[in-house]
């Protein structure tokens, strides 16, 4: 088994795979009678067809270390995971290597961070750490197969 260590989730490190959604810097606009900062249009939603939908996912907690034996991607649309609790989660991504995942990278979120995977980005399954995680997921709703899976011959172990 190959070891993968968690990295902090930053916009720069995650840029090749998608968008980090978080409050950073000054708001784009002050709204609601001056009591709310709006951080506008933070994700690049990208769908080949269909429409954007919002689903709710209730994911069971994992603990470290855990085994990464499979990754998936969605060739027809981006996919955003927005936590509705303050549970940290692990984000695992990999570049494409001729139709399969290349070397994976594992990131640990901070409270208040969400991610949007670019279309066709290889990623691990939803992985909250220590407590069940409730997520709003914005992704493509449409006809046709939009899921590809890859199972590793040699899994990875995700550690701190």
Protein backbone atom coordinates (compact mmCIF):
# COMPACT_ATOMS: atom_id res chain seq x y z
CA UNK A 1 0.00 0.00 0.00
CA UNK A 2 1.29 3.48 -0.87
CA UNK A 3 1.04 6.27 1.72
CA UNK A 4 -0.58 9.65 1.02
CA UNK A 5 -0.28 12.43 3.58
CA UNK A 6 -2.94 15.09 4.02
CA UNK A 7 -2.17 18.60 2.82
CA UNK A 8 -3.99 21.77 3.88
CA UNK A 9 -6.65 22.75 1.35
CA UNK A 10 -5.65 26.01 -0.36
CA UNK A 11 -7.02 27.62 -3.49
CA UNK A 12 -3.59 27.58 -5.16
CA UNK A 13 -2.84 23.91 -4.48
CA UNK A 14 -6.35 22.82 -5.52
CA UNK A 15 -6.60 25.02 -8.67
CA UNK A 16 -5.73 22.26 -11.20
CA UNK A 17 -8.68 20.21 -9.91
CA UNK A 18 -11.37 22.76 -9.10
CA UNK A 19 -12.40 25.66 -6.92
CA UNK A 20 -12.11 26.14 -3.15
CA UNK A 21 -15.24 27.88 -1.93
CA UNK A 22 -14.56 29.99 1.14
CA UNK A 23 -14.78 33.48 2.52
CA UNK A 24 -11.46 35.14 1.75
CA UNK A 25 -10.64 38.81 1.47
CA UNK A 26 -13.24 41.53 1.24
CA UNK A 27 -16.78 40.68 0.08
CA UNK A 28 -17.71 41.52 -3.50
CA UNK A 29 -20.76 43.35 -2.28
CA UNK A 30 -22.47 44.35 0.97
CA UNK A 31 -26.18 43.42 0.97
CA UNK A 32 -29.14 43.01 3.34
CA UNK A 33 -29.13 46.52 4.74
CA UNK A 34 -25.36 46.44 5.21
CA UNK A 35 -25.38 43.33 7.41
CA UNK A 36 -24.19 40.65 4.98
CA UNK A 37 -21.10 40.30 2.81
CA UNK A 38 -21.71 38.56 -0.51
CA UNK A 39 -18.78 36.57 -1.93
CA UNK A 40 -20.11 36.26 -5.45
CA UNK A 41 -19.86 33.51 -8.08
CA UNK A 42 -17.14 31.39 -6.42
CA UNK A 43 -17.42 28.20 -8.53
CA UNK A 44 -17.09 27.41 -12.22
CA UNK A 45 -20.17 25.27 -12.83
CA UNK A 46 -19.71 23.41 -16.11
CA UNK A 47 -22.22 20.99 -17.66
CA UNK A 48 -22.23 19.44 -21.12
CA UNK A 49 -26.04 19.27 -21.07
CA UNK A 50 -28.84 18.85 -18.55
CA UNK A 51 -29.27 21.32 -15.71
CA UNK A 52 -27.76 22.21 -12.35
CA UNK A 53 -29.42 20.48 -9.43
CA UNK A 54 -29.00 20.61 -5.67
CA UNK A 55 -29.01 17.32 -3.76
CA UNK A 56 -28.34 16.54 -0.10
CA UNK A 57 -25.78 13.88 0.88
CA UNK A 58 -25.53 12.41 4.40
CA UNK A 59 -22.10 10.75 4.58
CA UNK A 60 -20.89 8.46 7.34
CA UNK A 61 -17.74 9.48 9.19
CA UNK A 62 -14.35 7.96 8.48
CA UNK A 63 -11.25 7.96 10.64
CA UNK A 64 -7.59 8.19 9.77
CA UNK A 65 -5.83 6.29 8.46
CA UNK A 66 -8.18 5.03 5.75
CA UNK A 67 -7.74 3.20 2.47
CA UNK A 68 -8.23 4.82 -0.92
CA UNK A 69 -8.97 2.00 -3.32
CA UNK A 70 -11.25 3.74 -5.83
CA UNK A 71 -11.64 7.13 -7.50
CA UNK A 72 -14.39 8.44 -9.74
CA UNK A 73 -15.07 11.27 -12.14
CA UNK A 74 -18.02 12.84 -13.91
CA UNK A 75 -17.24 13.65 -17.57
CA UNK A 76 -20.43 15.64 -18.18
CA UNK A 77 -20.38 18.08 -15.30
CA UNK A 78 -18.66 19.78 -12.40
CA UNK A 79 -19.64 18.80 -8.86
CA UNK A 80 -19.64 21.05 -5.78
CA UNK A 81 -19.66 19.73 -2.20
CA UNK A 82 -20.83 22.29 0.36
CA UNK A 83 -20.80 21.14 4.00
CA UNK A 84 -23.87 22.00 6.07
CA UNK A 85 -22.05 21.14 9.32
CA UNK A 86 -18.66 22.10 10.72
CA UNK A 87 -17.22 18.65 10.12
CA UNK A 88 -13.82 18.55 8.42
CA UNK A 89 -13.62 16.39 5.34
CA UNK A 90 -10.89 14.92 3.21
CA UNK A 91 -10.73 15.92 -0.45
CA UNK A 92 -8.82 13.50 -2.68
CA UNK A 93 -8.08 14.38 -6.30
CA UNK A 94 -5.79 13.20 -9.08
CA UNK A 95 -4.81 14.42 -12.53
CA UNK A 96 -5.92 12.36 -15.49
CA UNK A 97 -3.28 9.93 -16.76
CA UNK A 98 -4.50 8.56 -20.09
CA UNK A 99 -8.02 7.80 -18.88
CA UNK A 100 -7.17 6.79 -15.33
CA UNK A 101 -6.15 8.68 -12.18
CA UNK A 102 -2.55 9.79 -11.92
CA UNK A 103 -0.82 10.37 -8.55
CA UNK A 104 -3.54 11.27 -6.01
CA UNK A 105 -3.32 14.18 -3.60
CA UNK A 106 -5.27 14.37 -0.33
CA UNK A 107 -6.36 17.65 1.27
CA UNK A 108 -8.01 18.35 4.63
CA UNK A 109 -10.60 21.13 4.74
CA UNK A 110 -10.96 23.78 7.39
CA UNK A 111 -14.40 24.70 8.76
CA UNK A 112 -16.21 26.88 6.25
CA UNK A 113 -14.45 25.47 3.17
CA UNK A 114 -16.26 23.76 0.30
CA UNK A 115 -15.00 22.45 -3.04
CA UNK A 116 -16.15 22.37 -6.63
CA UNK A 117 -14.52 19.68 -8.77
CA UNK A 118 -14.01 20.67 -12.39
CA UNK A 119 -15.71 18.51 -14.98
CA UNK A 120 -13.94 15.13 -15.45
CA UNK A 121 -11.68 15.57 -12.39
CA UNK A 122 -10.77 12.29 -10.69
CA UNK A 123 -11.79 12.44 -7.02
CA UNK A 124 -12.31 10.22 -4.01
CA UNK A 125 -15.64 9.59 -2.35
CA UNK A 126 -17.14 11.98 0.17
CA UNK A 127 -15.07 11.54 3.34
CA UNK A 128 -16.04 13.47 6.48
CA UNK A 129 -13.65 12.89 9.38
CA UNK A 130 -14.78 12.10 12.93
CA UNK A 131 -18.50 12.89 12.53
CA UNK A 132 -21.30 12.35 10.02
CA UNK A 133 -21.31 15.06 7.35
CA UNK A 134 -24.36 16.64 5.77
CA UNK A 135 -23.58 18.24 2.39
CA UNK A 136 -25.43 20.20 -0.26
CA UNK A 137 -24.17 18.98 -3.64
CA UNK A 138 -24.57 21.04 -6.80
CA UNK A 139 -24.06 18.95 -9.93
CA UNK A 140 -25.42 17.98 -13.32
CA UNK A 141 -28.88 16.46 -13.52
CA UNK A 142 -29.46 14.87 -16.93
CA UNK A 143 -29.71 11.74 -19.01
CA UNK A 144 -26.81 9.44 -19.78
CA UNK A 145 -23.95 7.90 -17.87
CA UNK A 146 -21.96 10.54 -16.01
CA UNK A 147 -19.87 8.34 -13.75
CA UNK A 148 -16.55 6.62 -14.39
CA UNK A 149 -14.83 4.63 -11.66
CA UNK A 150 -11.25 3.40 -11.36
CA UNK A 151 -10.20 0.74 -8.82
CA UNK A 152 -6.51 0.73 -7.89
CA UNK A 153 -4.51 -2.51 -8.04
CA UNK A 154 -2.45 -1.13 -5.15
CA UNK A 155 -4.52 1.05 -2.80
CA UNK A 156 -3.28 4.12 -0.95
CA UNK A 157 -3.38 4.71 2.79
CA UNK A 158 -4.40 8.26 3.75
CA UNK A 159 -2.64 9.49 6.90
CA UNK A 160 -2.16 12.77 8.74
